[in-house]
Amino acid sequence: MKKENFKYGIKITKPHSAEMYDWNDNIANIMKQEIKHQIEKAYINEDFKHLNELIELCAGIQYSEGHSIEELYSEVKELVENVPNYWLNQEWDWAVNQLALVRDVLFDSKGRRIGFVGFNK
C-alpha cells in the first residue's frame, strides 16, 4: 500500500486535486503581489534594469536599451498577470536568493516557509 503524501496539510495527488490548484493559485498570488510592488518601485525610480529583470522573472525575456521605461512598465504589468504557476515555482528562489530581485514573502502565520505543492524540483 502506497503511503499518502501531504505537504502543508494538503494531500498530494496525481493529477492535481482542486485543493492543490487552489493552494498553488494562492501562493502565486502572494508572489505576484510582491512582483507588482517591485514593479511600482522600479517604475517610480525609473529603474530600467530592475524592470527588465522583473520581465525576465515573469517571461524569461529582456528588452534592449532602446525601449522606454513606459514600454517596460506596460509590458511587465501584463506579464505578471499571466505568468504560469510552474514558471514561478522554477524561478522564484533564484529571483530571491541570487538576484535579490524580490523579497521572500512565502511564510505562514508561524513564520514557516511555504510554497507550491505538486511540483517536483
PDB file of N, CA and C in Angstrom:
ATOM      1  N   MET A   1       0.834  -1.185   0.000  1.00  0.00           N
ATOM      2  CA  MET A   1       0.000   0.000   0.000  1.00  0.00           C
ATOM      3  C   MET A   1       0.881   1.252   0.000  1.00  0.00           C
ATOM      4  N   LYS A   2       0.595   2.151  -0.908  1.00  0.00           N
ATOM      5  CA  LYS A   2       1.385   3.371  -1.039  1.00  0.00           C
ATOM      6  C   LYS A   2       1.016   4.357   0.067  1.00  0.00           C
ATOM      7  N   LYS A   3       2.039   4.936   0.682  1.00  0.00           N
ATOM      8  CA  LYS A   3       1.829   5.921   1.741  1.00  0.00           C
ATOM      9  C   LYS A   3       1.339   7.235   1.135  1.00  0.00           C
ATOM     10  N   GLU A   4       0.330   7.814   1.769  1.00  0.00           N
ATOM     11  CA  GLU A   4      -0.163   9.112   1.307  1.00  0.00           C
ATOM     12  C   GLU A   4       0.846  10.195   1.650  1.00  0.00           C
ATOM     13  N   ASN A   5       0.973  11.152   0.746  1.00  0.00           N
ATOM     14  CA  ASN A   5       1.934  12.229   0.903  1.00  0.00           C
ATOM     15  C   ASN A   5       1.174  13.535   1.127  1.00  0.00           C
ATOM     16  N   PHE A   6       1.566  14.268   2.160  1.00  0.00           N
ATOM     17  CA  PHE A   6       0.952  15.552   2.480  1.00  0.00           C
ATOM     18  C   PHE A   6       2.034  16.623   2.542  1.00  0.00           C
ATOM     19  N   LYS A   7       1.674  17.814   2.129  1.00  0.00           N
ATOM     20  CA  LYS A   7       2.558  18.969   2.257  1.00  0.00           C
ATOM     21  C   LYS A   7       1.691  20.165   2.631  1.00  0.00           C
ATOM     22  N   TYR A   8       2.076  20.856   3.676  1.00  0.00           N
ATOM     23  CA  TYR A   8       1.301  21.988   4.211  1.00  0.00           C
ATOM     24  C   TYR A   8      -0.128  21.573   4.539  1.00  0.00           C
ATOM     25  N   GLY A   9      -0.299  20.304   4.913  1.00  0.00           N
ATOM     26  CA  GLY A   9      -1.615  19.798   5.260  1.00  0.00           C
ATOM     27  C   GLY A   9      -2.481  19.435   4.068  1.00  0.00           C
ATOM     28  N   ILE A  10      -1.910  19.475   2.876  1.00  0.00           N
ATOM     29  CA  ILE A  10      -2.659  19.189   1.650  1.00  0.00           C
ATOM     30  C   ILE A  10      -2.203  17.846   1.104  1.00  0.00           C
ATOM     31  N   LYS A  11      -3.163  16.991   0.797  1.00  0.00           N
ATOM     32  CA  LYS A  11      -2.842  15.687   0.222  1.00  0.00           C
ATOM     33  C   LYS A  11      -2.352  15.882  -1.209  1.00  0.00           C
ATOM     34  N   ILE A  12      -1.180  15.329  -1.504  1.00  0.00           N
ATOM     35  CA  ILE A  12      -0.579  15.435  -2.833  1.00  0.00           C
ATOM     36  C   ILE A  12      -1.116  14.289  -3.689  1.00  0.00           C
ATOM     37  N   THR A  13      -1.727  14.637  -4.798  1.00  0.00           N
ATOM     38  CA  THR A  13      -2.319  13.654  -5.701  1.00  0.00           C
ATOM     39  C   THR A  13      -1.852  13.901  -7.127  1.00  0.00           C
ATOM     40  N   LYS A  14      -1.935  12.855  -7.928  1.00  0.00           N
ATOM     41  CA  LYS A  14      -1.698  12.986  -9.367  1.00  0.00           C
ATOM     42  C   LYS A  14      -2.892  12.380 -10.045  1.00  0.00           C
ATOM     43  N   PRO A  15      -3.616  13.097 -10.850  1.00  0.00           N
ATOM     44  CA  PRO A  15      -3.387  14.506 -11.164  1.00  0.00           C
ATOM     45  C   PRO A  15      -3.673  15.406  -9.950  1.00  0.00           C
ATOM     46  N   HIS A  16      -3.312  16.668 -10.085  1.00  0.00           N
ATOM     47  CA  HIS A  16      -3.542  17.638  -9.005  1.00  0.00           C
ATOM     48  C   HIS A  16      -5.024  17.682  -8.653  1.00  0.00           C
ATOM     49  N   SER A  17      -5.290  17.808  -7.359  1.00  0.00           N
ATOM     50  CA  SER A  17      -6.665  17.970  -6.880  1.00  0.00           C
ATOM     51  C   SER A  17      -7.035  19.455  -6.915  1.00  0.00           C
ATOM     52  N   ALA A  18      -8.320  19.722  -6.778  1.00  0.00           N
ATOM     53  CA  ALA A  18      -8.791  21.117  -6.714  1.00  0.00           C
ATOM     54  C   ALA A  18      -8.140  21.839  -5.545  1.00  0.00           C
ATOM     55  N   GLU A  19      -7.948  21.139  -4.425  1.00  0.00           N
ATOM     56  CA  GLU A  19      -7.307  21.734  -3.257  1.00  0.00           C
ATOM     57  C   GLU A  19      -5.867  22.144  -3.572  1.00  0.00           C
ATOM     58  N   MET A  20      -5.171  21.303  -4.315  1.00  0.00           N
ATOM     59  CA  MET A  20      -3.793  21.633  -4.710  1.00  0.00           C
ATOM     60  C   MET A  20      -3.768  22.835  -5.641  1.00  0.00           C
ATOM     61  N   TYR A  21      -4.663  22.874  -6.634  1.00  0.00           N
ATOM     62  CA  TYR A  21      -4.730  24.030  -7.536  1.00  0.00           C
ATOM     63  C   TYR A  21      -5.039  25.313  -6.769  1.00  0.00           C
ATOM     64  N   ASP A  22      -5.989  25.241  -5.848  1.00  0.00           N
ATOM     65  CA  ASP A  22      -6.342  26.430  -5.062  1.00  0.00           C
ATOM     66  C   ASP A  22      -5.153  26.912  -4.236  1.00  0.00           C
ATOM     67  N   TRP A  23      -4.452  25.980  -3.590  1.00  0.00           N
ATOM     68  CA  TRP A  23      -3.275  26.333  -2.796  1.00  0.00           C
ATOM     69  C   TRP A  23      -2.235  27.023  -3.680  1.00  0.00           C
ATOM     70  N   ASN A  24      -1.940  26.398  -4.817  1.00  0.00           N
ATOM     71  CA  ASN A  24      -0.922  26.945  -5.713  1.00  0.00           C
ATOM     72  C   ASN A  24      -1.321  28.304  -6.262  1.00  0.00           C
ATOM     73  N   ASP A  25      -2.592  28.499  -6.557  1.00  0.00           N
ATOM     74  CA  ASP A  25      -3.053  29.815  -7.015  1.00  0.00           C
ATOM     75  C   ASP A  25      -2.867  30.866  -5.926  1.00  0.00           C
ATOM     76  N   ASN A  26      -3.117  30.492  -4.680  1.00  0.00           N
ATOM     77  CA  ASN A  26      -2.908  31.437  -3.573  1.00  0.00           C
ATOM     78  C   ASN A  26      -1.428  31.778  -3.407  1.00  0.00           C
ATOM     79  N   ILE A  27      -0.565  30.774  -3.514  1.00  0.00           N
ATOM     80  CA  ILE A  27       0.884  31.021  -3.429  1.00  0.00           C
ATOM     81  C   ILE A  27       1.311  31.954  -4.569  1.00  0.00           C
ATOM     82  N   ALA A  28       0.837  31.681  -5.784  1.00  0.00           N
ATOM     83  CA  ALA A  28       1.174  32.526  -6.935  1.00  0.00           C
ATOM     84  C   ALA A  28       0.696  33.958  -6.717  1.00  0.00           C
ATOM     85  N   ASN A  29      -0.468  34.131  -6.133  1.00  0.00           N
ATOM     86  CA  ASN A  29      -0.985  35.486  -5.880  1.00  0.00           C
ATOM     87  C   ASN A  29      -0.104  36.244  -4.890  1.00  0.00           C
ATOM     88  N   ILE A  30       0.410  35.545  -3.882  1.00  0.00           N
ATOM     89  CA  ILE A  30       1.329  36.188  -2.934  1.00  0.00           C
ATOM     90  C   ILE A  30       2.585  36.648  -3.666  1.00  0.00           C
ATOM     91  N   MET A  31       3.128  35.776  -4.515  1.00  0.00           N
ATOM     92  CA  MET A  31       4.317  36.123  -5.295  1.00  0.00           C
ATOM     93  C   MET A  31       4.037  37.299  -6.222  1.00  0.00           C
ATOM     94  N   LYS A  32       2.908  37.263  -6.888  1.00  0.00           N
ATOM     95  CA  LYS A  32       2.561  38.321  -7.845  1.00  0.00           C
ATOM     96  C   LYS A  32       2.394  39.663  -7.148  1.00  0.00           C
ATOM     97  N   GLN A  33       1.869  39.667  -5.930  1.00  0.00           N
ATOM     98  CA  GLN A  33       1.741  40.920  -5.189  1.00  0.00           C
ATOM     99  C   GLN A  33       3.116  41.527  -4.913  1.00  0.00           C
ATOM    100  N   GLU A  34       4.070  40.676  -4.556  1.00  0.00           N
ATOM    101  CA  GLU A  34       5.437  41.165  -4.332  1.00  0.00           C
ATOM    102  C   GLU A  34       6.046  41.666  -5.634  1.00  0.00           C
ATOM    103  N   ILE A  35       5.836  40.947  -6.720  1.00  0.00           N
ATOM    104  CA  ILE A  35       6.356  41.390  -8.018  1.00  0.00           C
ATOM    105  C   ILE A  35       5.736  42.736  -8.394  1.00  0.00           C
ATOM    106  N   LYS A  36       4.441  42.885  -8.195  1.00  0.00           N
ATOM    107  CA  LYS A  36       3.763  44.161  -8.506  1.00  0.00           C
ATOM    108  C   LYS A  36       4.321  45.299  -7.663  1.00  0.00           C
ATOM    109  N   HIS A  37       4.602  45.018  -6.402  1.00  0.00           N
ATOM    110  CA  HIS A  37       5.215  46.026  -5.531  1.00  0.00           C
ATOM    111  C   HIS A  37       6.569  46.455  -6.102  1.00  0.00           C
ATOM    112  N   GLN A  38       7.366  45.485  -6.532  1.00  0.00           N
ATOM    113  CA  GLN A  38       8.680  45.786  -7.097  1.00  0.00           C
ATOM    114  C   GLN A  38       8.558  46.520  -8.441  1.00  0.00           C
ATOM    115  N   ILE A  39       7.532  46.190  -9.219  1.00  0.00           N
ATOM    116  CA  ILE A  39       7.295  46.897 -10.490  1.00  0.00           C
ATOM    117  C   ILE A  39       7.051  48.370 -10.220  1.00  0.00           C
ATOM    118  N   GLU A  40       6.168  48.675  -9.293  1.00  0.00           N
ATOM    119  CA  GLU A  40       5.842  50.075  -8.983  1.00  0.00           C
ATOM    120  C   GLU A  40       7.058  50.820  -8.451  1.00  0.00           C
ATOM    121  N   LYS A  41       7.801  50.153  -7.588  1.00  0.00           N
ATOM    122  CA  LYS A  41       9.018  50.754  -7.025  1.00  0.00           C
ATOM    123  C   LYS A  41      10.030  51.067  -8.139  1.00  0.00           C
ATOM    124  N   ALA A  42      10.235  50.110  -9.037  1.00  0.00           N
ATOM    125  CA  ALA A  42      11.186  50.314 -10.137  1.00  0.00           C
ATOM    126  C   ALA A  42      10.708  51.419 -11.079  1.00  0.00           C
ATOM    127  N   TYR A  43       9.424  51.467 -11.348  1.00  0.00           N
ATOM    128  CA  TYR A  43       8.877  52.485 -12.251  1.00  0.00           C
ATOM    129  C   TYR A  43       9.037  53.879 -11.643  1.00  0.00           C
ATOM    130  N   ILE A  44       8.692  54.020 -10.387  1.00  0.00           N
ATOM    131  CA  ILE A  44       8.822  55.318  -9.705  1.00  0.00           C
ATOM    132  C   ILE A  44      10.280  55.782  -9.720  1.00  0.00           C
ATOM    133  N   ASN A  45      11.200  54.849  -9.545  1.00  0.00           N
ATOM    134  CA  ASN A  45      12.633  55.174  -9.524  1.00  0.00           C
ATOM    135  C   ASN A  45      13.264  55.198 -10.915  1.00  0.00           C
ATOM    136  N   GLU A  46      12.443  54.976 -11.946  1.00  0.00           N
ATOM    137  CA  GLU A  46      12.906  54.926 -13.332  1.00  0.00           C
ATOM    138  C   GLU A  46      14.088  53.964 -13.477  1.00  0.00           C
ATOM    139  N   ASP A  47      13.935  52.787 -12.875  1.00  0.00           N
ATOM    140  CA  ASP A  47      14.995  51.781 -12.849  1.00  0.00           C
ATOM    141  C   ASP A  47      14.775  50.772 -13.981  1.00  0.00           C
ATOM    142  N   PHE A  48      15.330  51.077 -15.133  1.00  0.00           N
ATOM    143  CA  PHE A  48      15.193  50.247 -16.338  1.00  0.00           C
ATOM    144  C   PHE A  48      15.673  48.822 -16.070  1.00  0.00           C
ATOM    145  N   LYS A  49      16.827  48.694 -15.426  1.00  0.00           N
ATOM    146  CA  LYS A  49      17.420  47.373 -15.174  1.00  0.00           C
ATOM    147  C   LYS A  49      16.499  46.505 -14.316  1.00  0.00           C
ATOM    148  N   HIS A  50      15.957  47.073 -13.259  1.00  0.00           N
ATOM    149  CA  HIS A  50      15.077  46.310 -12.366  1.00  0.00           C
ATOM    150  C   HIS A  50      13.795  45.904 -13.100  1.00  0.00           C
ATOM    151  N   LEU A  51      13.201  46.805 -13.858  1.00  0.00           N
ATOM    152  CA  LEU A  51      12.006  46.447 -14.639  1.00  0.00           C
ATOM    153  C   LEU A  51      12.322  45.327 -15.621  1.00  0.00           C
ATOM    154  N   ASN A  52      13.460  45.411 -16.258  1.00  0.00           N
ATOM    155  CA  ASN A  52      13.868  44.395 -17.224  1.00  0.00           C
ATOM    156  C   ASN A  52      14.071  43.034 -16.540  1.00  0.00           C
ATOM    157  N   GLU A  53      14.644  43.046 -15.350  1.00  0.00           N
ATOM    158  CA  GLU A  53      14.829  41.798 -14.597  1.00  0.00           C
ATOM    159  C   GLU A  53      13.486  41.220 -14.165  1.00  0.00           C
ATOM    160  N   LEU A  54      12.531  42.084 -13.847  1.00  0.00           N
ATOM    161  CA  LEU A  54      11.188  41.607 -13.498  1.00  0.00           C
ATOM    162  C   LEU A  54      10.490  41.004 -14.713  1.00  0.00           C
ATOM    163  N   ILE A  55      10.729  41.564 -15.876  1.00  0.00           N
ATOM    164  CA  ILE A  55      10.207  40.976 -17.121  1.00  0.00           C
ATOM    165  C   ILE A  55      10.818  39.594 -17.313  1.00  0.00           C
ATOM    166  N   GLU A  56      12.113  39.489 -17.068  1.00  0.00           N
ATOM    167  CA  GLU A  56      12.769  38.189 -17.202  1.00  0.00           C
ATOM    168  C   GLU A  56      12.203  37.185 -16.195  1.00  0.00           C
ATOM    169  N   LEU A  57      11.935  37.619 -14.970  1.00  0.00           N
ATOM    170  CA  LEU A  57      11.333  36.749 -13.966  1.00  0.00           C
ATOM    171  C   LEU A  57       9.975  36.230 -14.434  1.00  0.00           C
ATOM    172  N   CYS A  58       9.195  37.079 -15.070  1.00  0.00           N
ATOM    173  CA  CYS A  58       7.837  36.713 -15.475  1.00  0.00           C
ATOM    174  C   CYS A  58       7.763  35.981 -16.807  1.00  0.00           C
ATOM    175  N   ALA A  59       8.744  36.184 -17.697  1.00  0.00           N
ATOM    176  CA  ALA A  59       8.609  35.624 -19.044  1.00  0.00           C
ATOM    177  C   ALA A  59       9.891  35.068 -19.644  1.00  0.00           C
ATOM    178  N   GLY A  60      11.002  35.252 -18.960  1.00  0.00           N
ATOM    179  CA  GLY A  60      12.257  34.714 -19.485  1.00  0.00           C
ATOM    180  C   GLY A  60      12.851  35.517 -20.630  1.00  0.00           C
ATOM    181  N   ILE A  61      12.417  36.754 -20.801  1.00  0.00           N
ATOM    182  CA  ILE A  61      12.941  37.623 -21.861  1.00  0.00           C
ATOM    183  C   ILE A  61      13.402  38.944 -21.255  1.00  0.00           C
ATOM    184  N   GLN A  62      14.182  39.696 -22.015  1.00  0.00           N
ATOM    185  CA  GLN A  62      14.561  41.053 -21.626  1.00  0.00           C
ATOM    186  C   GLN A  62      14.479  41.964 -22.842  1.00  0.00           C
ATOM    187  N   TYR A  63      14.336  43.252 -22.582  1.00  0.00           N
ATOM    188  CA  TYR A  63      14.272  44.271 -23.622  1.00  0.00           C
ATOM    189  C   TYR A  63      15.631  44.934 -23.788  1.00  0.00           C
ATOM    190  N   SER A  64      15.899  45.404 -25.007  1.00  0.00           N
ATOM    191  CA  SER A  64      17.134  46.145 -25.252  1.00  0.00           C
ATOM    192  C   SER A  64      16.987  47.559 -24.706  1.00  0.00           C
ATOM    193  N   GLU A  65      18.087  48.247 -24.621  1.00  0.00           N
ATOM    194  CA  GLU A  65      18.085  49.588 -24.026  1.00  0.00           C
ATOM    195  C   GLU A  65      17.397  50.634 -24.890  1.00  0.00           C
ATOM    196  N   GLY A  66      16.995  50.308 -26.102  1.00  0.00           N
ATOM    197  CA  GLY A  66      16.296  51.258 -26.949  1.00  0.00           C
ATOM    198  C   GLY A  66      14.843  51.476 -26.563  1.00  0.00           C
ATOM    199  N   HIS A  67      14.339  50.699 -25.605  1.00  0.00           N
ATOM    200  CA  HIS A  67      12.944  50.818 -25.176  1.00  0.00           C
ATOM    201  C   HIS A  67      12.817  51.792 -24.009  1.00  0.00           C
ATOM    202  N   SER A  68      11.640  52.357 -23.876  1.00  0.00           N
ATOM    203  CA  SER A  68      11.410  53.325 -22.802  1.00  0.00           C
ATOM    204  C   SER A  68      10.965  52.618 -21.521  1.00  0.00           C
ATOM    205  N   ILE A  69      11.111  53.321 -20.426  1.00  0.00           N
ATOM    206  CA  ILE A  69      10.629  52.843 -19.128  1.00  0.00           C
ATOM    207  C   ILE A  69       9.133  52.545 -19.221  1.00  0.00           C
ATOM    208  N   GLU A  70       8.393  53.399 -19.898  1.00  0.00           N
ATOM    209  CA  GLU A  70       6.947  53.218 -20.029  1.00  0.00           C
ATOM    210  C   GLU A  70       6.608  51.922 -20.764  1.00  0.00           C
ATOM    211  N   GLU A  71       7.385  51.589 -21.804  1.00  0.00           N
ATOM    212  CA  GLU A  71       7.159  50.331 -22.532  1.00  0.00           C
ATOM    213  C   GLU A  71       7.397  49.126 -21.620  1.00  0.00           C
ATOM    214  N   LEU A  72       8.490  49.162 -20.879  1.00  0.00           N
ATOM    215  CA  LEU A  72       8.778  48.065 -19.963  1.00  0.00           C
ATOM    216  C   LEU A  72       7.714  47.946 -18.886  1.00  0.00           C
ATOM    217  N   TYR A  73       7.317  49.076 -18.343  1.00  0.00           N
ATOM    218  CA  TYR A  73       6.301  49.112 -17.289  1.00  0.00           C
ATOM    219  C   TYR A  73       4.995  48.502 -17.789  1.00  0.00           C
ATOM    220  N   SER A  74       4.568  48.911 -18.949  1.00  0.00           N
ATOM    221  CA  SER A  74       3.331  48.390 -19.533  1.00  0.00           C
ATOM    222  C   SER A  74       3.428  46.880 -19.769  1.00  0.00           C
ATOM    223  N   GLU A  75       4.553  46.441 -20.316  1.00  0.00           N
ATOM    224  CA  GLU A  75       4.746  45.025 -20.631  1.00  0.00           C
ATOM    225  C   GLU A  75       4.780  44.160 -19.376  1.00  0.00           C
ATOM    226  N   VAL A  76       5.546  44.567 -18.372  1.00  0.00           N
ATOM    227  CA  VAL A  76       5.690  43.742 -17.180  1.00  0.00           C
ATOM    228  C   VAL A  76       4.386  43.671 -16.391  1.00  0.00           C
ATOM    229  N   LYS A  77       3.585  44.740 -16.420  1.00  0.00           N
ATOM    230  CA  LYS A  77       2.291  44.698 -15.737  1.00  0.00           C
ATOM    231  C   LYS A  77       1.383  43.647 -16.361  1.00  0.00           C
ATOM    232  N   GLU A  78       1.461  43.485 -17.661  1.00  0.00           N
ATOM    233  CA  GLU A  78       0.669  42.456 -18.341  1.00  0.00           C
ATOM    234  C   GLU A  78       1.258  41.064 -18.094  1.00  0.00           C
ATOM    235  N   LEU A  79       2.565  40.957 -18.169  1.00  0.00           N
ATOM    236  CA  LEU A  79       3.217  39.660 -17.990  1.00  0.00           C
ATOM    237  C   LEU A  79       2.977  39.065 -16.606  1.00  0.00           C
ATOM    238  N   VAL A  80       3.021  39.889 -15.580  1.00  0.00           N
ATOM    239  CA  VAL A  80       2.860  39.374 -14.218  1.00  0.00           C
ATOM    240  C   VAL A  80       1.472  38.767 -14.026  1.00  0.00           C
ATOM    241  N   GLU A  81       0.499  39.274 -14.724  1.00  0.00           N
ATOM    242  CA  GLU A  81      -0.854  38.733 -14.598  1.00  0.00           C
ATOM    243  C   GLU A  81      -0.978  37.351 -15.228  1.00  0.00           C
ATOM    244  N   ASN A  82      -0.120  37.045 -16.194  1.00  0.00           N
ATOM    245  CA  ASN A  82      -0.239  35.807 -16.956  1.00  0.00           C
ATOM    246  C   ASN A  82       0.871  34.792 -16.704  1.00  0.00           C
ATOM    247  N   VAL A  83       1.772  35.086 -15.789  1.00  0.00           N
ATOM    248  CA  VAL A  83       2.878  34.155 -15.537  1.00  0.00           C
ATOM    249  C   VAL A  83       2.314  32.865 -14.931  1.00  0.00           C
ATOM    250  N   PRO A  84       2.670  31.722 -15.516  1.00  0.00           N
ATOM    251  CA  PRO A  84       2.150  30.451 -15.008  1.00  0.00           C
ATOM    252  C   PRO A  84       2.771  30.049 -13.667  1.00  0.00           C
ATOM    253  N   ASN A  85       2.019  29.312 -12.889  1.00  0.00           N
ATOM    254  CA  ASN A  85       2.495  28.863 -11.586  1.00  0.00           C
ATOM    255  C   ASN A  85       3.778  28.040 -11.699  1.00  0.00           C
ATOM    256  N   TYR A  86       3.838  27.160 -12.696  1.00  0.00           N
ATOM    257  CA  TYR A  86       5.039  26.316 -12.819  1.00  0.00           C
ATOM    258  C   TYR A  86       6.281  27.183 -13.047  1.00  0.00           C
ATOM    259  N   TRP A  87       6.127  28.300 -13.767  1.00  0.00           N
ATOM    260  CA  TRP A  87       7.258  29.189 -14.040  1.00  0.00           C
ATOM    261  C   TRP A  87       7.714  29.868 -12.747  1.00  0.00           C
ATOM    262  N   LEU A  88       6.747  30.375 -11.981  1.00  0.00           N
ATOM    263  CA  LEU A  88       7.104  30.993 -10.700  1.00  0.00           C
ATOM    264  C   LEU A  88       7.787  29.972  -9.792  1.00  0.00           C
ATOM    265  N   ASN A  89       7.303  28.744  -9.796  1.00  0.00           N
ATOM    266  CA  ASN A  89       7.905  27.697  -8.992  1.00  0.00           C
ATOM    267  C   ASN A  89       9.379  27.504  -9.358  1.00  0.00           C
ATOM    268  N   GLN A  90       9.681  27.554 -10.634  1.00  0.00           N
ATOM    269  CA  GLN A  90      11.055  27.357 -11.101  1.00  0.00           C
ATOM    270  C   GLN A  90      11.948  28.562 -10.825  1.00  0.00           C
ATOM    271  N   GLU A  91      11.420  29.760 -10.948  1.00  0.00           N
ATOM    272  CA  GLU A  91      12.242  30.975 -10.947  1.00  0.00           C
ATOM    273  C   GLU A  91      12.290  31.732  -9.620  1.00  0.00           C
ATOM    274  N   TRP A  92      11.340  31.496  -8.734  1.00  0.00           N
ATOM    275  CA  TRP A  92      11.207  32.320  -7.536  1.00  0.00           C
ATOM    276  C   TRP A  92      12.452  32.299  -6.647  1.00  0.00           C
ATOM    277  N   ASP A  93      12.920  31.113  -6.286  1.00  0.00           N
ATOM    278  CA  ASP A  93      14.067  31.033  -5.373  1.00  0.00           C
ATOM    279  C   ASP A  93      15.293  31.731  -5.948  1.00  0.00           C
ATOM    280  N   TRP A  94      15.501  31.586  -7.247  1.00  0.00           N
ATOM    281  CA  TRP A  94      16.623  32.262  -7.908  1.00  0.00           C
ATOM    282  C   TRP A  94      16.464  33.779  -7.804  1.00  0.00           C
ATOM    283  N   ALA A  95      15.255  34.263  -8.058  1.00  0.00           N
ATOM    284  CA  ALA A  95      14.991  35.708  -8.007  1.00  0.00           C
ATOM    285  C   ALA A  95      15.185  36.262  -6.600  1.00  0.00           C
ATOM    286  N   VAL A  96      14.859  35.465  -5.594  1.00  0.00           N
ATOM    287  CA  VAL A  96      15.017  35.888  -4.200  1.00  0.00           C
ATOM    288  C   VAL A  96      16.474  35.791  -3.762  1.00  0.00           C
ATOM    289  N   ASN A  97      17.056  34.628  -3.936  1.00  0.00           N
ATOM    290  CA  ASN A  97      18.364  34.336  -3.331  1.00  0.00           C
ATOM    291  C   ASN A  97      19.567  34.788  -4.152  1.00  0.00           C
ATOM    292  N   GLN A  98      19.490  34.698  -5.457  1.00  0.00           N
ATOM    293  CA  GLN A  98      20.646  35.032  -6.291  1.00  0.00           C
ATOM    294  C   GLN A  98      20.593  36.469  -6.815  1.00  0.00           C
ATOM    295  N   LEU A  99      19.408  36.922  -7.177  1.00  0.00           N
ATOM    296  CA  LEU A  99      19.289  38.260  -7.761  1.00  0.00           C
ATOM    297  C   LEU A  99      18.854  39.326  -6.770  1.00  0.00           C
ATOM    298  N   ALA A 100      18.286  38.916  -5.642  1.00  0.00           N
ATOM    299  CA  ALA A 100      17.680  39.850  -4.682  1.00  0.00           C
ATOM    300  C   ALA A 100      16.700  40.779  -5.403  1.00  0.00           C
ATOM    301  N   LEU A 101      15.977  40.203  -6.348  1.00  0.00           N
ATOM    302  CA  LEU A 101      15.044  40.943  -7.191  1.00  0.00           C
ATOM    303  C   LEU A 101      13.720  41.191  -6.477  1.00  0.00           C
ATOM    304  N   VAL A 102      13.297  40.222  -5.693  1.00  0.00           N
ATOM    305  CA  VAL A 102      12.056  40.299  -4.922  1.00  0.00           C
ATOM    306  C   VAL A 102      12.354  39.809  -3.508  1.00  0.00           C
ATOM    307  N   ARG A 103      11.485  40.180  -2.581  1.00  0.00           N
ATOM    308  CA  ARG A 103      11.619  39.712  -1.200  1.00  0.00           C
ATOM    309  C   ARG A 103      10.957  38.342  -1.079  1.00  0.00           C
ATOM    310  N   ASP A 104      11.496  37.500  -0.223  1.00  0.00           N
ATOM    311  CA  ASP A 104      10.847  36.215   0.029  1.00  0.00           C
ATOM    312  C   ASP A 104       9.662  36.475   0.945  1.00  0.00           C
ATOM    313  N   VAL A 105       8.475  36.301   0.410  1.00  0.00           N
ATOM    314  CA  VAL A 105       7.244  36.611   1.136  1.00  0.00           C
ATOM    315  C   VAL A 105       6.435  35.357   1.444  1.00  0.00           C
ATOM    316  N   LEU A 106       7.037  34.197   1.256  1.00  0.00           N
ATOM    317  CA  LEU A 106       6.301  32.948   1.391  1.00  0.00           C
ATOM    318  C   LEU A 106       6.483  32.323   2.770  1.00  0.00           C
ATOM    319  N   PHE A 107       5.773  32.883   3.727  1.00  0.00           N
ATOM    320  CA  PHE A 107       5.812  32.386   5.089  1.00  0.00           C
ATOM    321  C   PHE A 107       4.396  32.310   5.639  1.00  0.00           C
ATOM    322  N   ASP A 108       4.134  31.288   6.457  1.00  0.00           N
ATOM    323  CA  ASP A 108       2.815  31.188   7.078  1.00  0.00           C
ATOM    324  C   ASP A 108       2.774  32.052   8.339  1.00  0.00           C
ATOM    325  N   SER A 109       1.665  32.012   9.038  1.00  0.00           N
ATOM    326  CA  SER A 109       1.488  32.868  10.217  1.00  0.00           C
ATOM    327  C   SER A 109       2.450  32.522  11.352  1.00  0.00           C
ATOM    328  N   LYS A 110       3.057  31.340  11.293  1.00  0.00           N
ATOM    329  CA  LYS A 110       4.022  30.932  12.313  1.00  0.00           C
ATOM    330  C   LYS A 110       5.463  31.148  11.857  1.00  0.00           C
ATOM    331  N   GLY A 111       5.642  31.792  10.713  1.00  0.00           N
ATOM    332  CA  GLY A 111       6.974  32.096  10.206  1.00  0.00           C
ATOM    333  C   GLY A 111       7.648  30.957   9.458  1.00  0.00           C
ATOM    334  N   ARG A 112       6.902  29.900   9.138  1.00  0.00           N
ATOM    335  CA  ARG A 112       7.463  28.769   8.394  1.00  0.00           C
ATOM    336  C   ARG A 112       7.353  29.041   6.899  1.00  0.00           C
ATOM    337  N   ARG A 113       8.393  28.645   6.175  1.00  0.00           N
ATOM    338  CA  ARG A 113       8.400  28.846   4.712  1.00  0.00           C
ATOM    339  C   ARG A 113       7.376  27.937   4.058  1.00  0.00           C
ATOM    340  N   ILE A 114       6.639  28.483   3.120  1.00  0.00           N
ATOM    341  CA  ILE A 114       5.648  27.727   2.361  1.00  0.00           C
ATOM    342  C   ILE A 114       5.940  27.874   0.875  1.00  0.00           C
ATOM    343  N   GLY A 115       5.263  27.114   0.064  1.00  0.00           N
ATOM    344  CA  GLY A 115       5.466  27.187  -1.381  1.00  0.00           C
ATOM    345  C   GLY A 115       4.431  26.359  -2.116  1.00  0.00           C
ATOM    346  N   PHE A 116       4.699  26.131  -3.375  1.00  0.00           N
ATOM    347  CA  PHE A 116       3.799  25.347  -4.208  1.00  0.00           C
ATOM    348  C   PHE A 116       3.792  23.887  -3.772  1.00  0.00           C
ATOM    349  N   VAL A 117       2.723  23.190  -4.137  1.00  0.00           N
ATOM    350  CA  VAL A 117       2.631  21.752  -3.912  1.00  0.00           C
ATOM    351  C   VAL A 117       2.480  21.045  -5.248  1.00  0.00           C
ATOM    352  N   GLY A 118       3.043  19.828  -5.326  1.00  0.00           N
ATOM    353  CA  GLY A 118       2.852  19.010  -6.507  1.00  0.00           C
ATOM    354  C   GLY A 118       3.844  19.231  -7.625  1.00  0.00           C
ATOM    355  N   PHE A 119       4.771  20.159  -7.458  1.00  0.00           N
ATOM    356  CA  PHE A 119       5.819  20.373  -8.448  1.00  0.00           C
ATOM    357  C   PHE A 119       7.084  19.729  -7.933  1.00  0.00           C
ATOM    358  N   ASN A 120       7.692  18.886  -8.730  1.00  0.00           N
ATOM    359  CA  ASN A 120       8.961  18.273  -8.328  1.00  0.00           C
ATOM    360  C   ASN A 120      10.096  19.114  -8.861  1.00  0.00           C
ATOM    361  N   LYS A 121      11.027  19.443  -7.995  1.00  0.00           N
ATOM    362  CA  LYS A 121      12.192  20.232  -8.414  1.00  0.00           C
ATOM    363  C   LYS A 121      13.322  19.320  -8.741  1.00  0.00           C
TER     364      LYS A 121
END
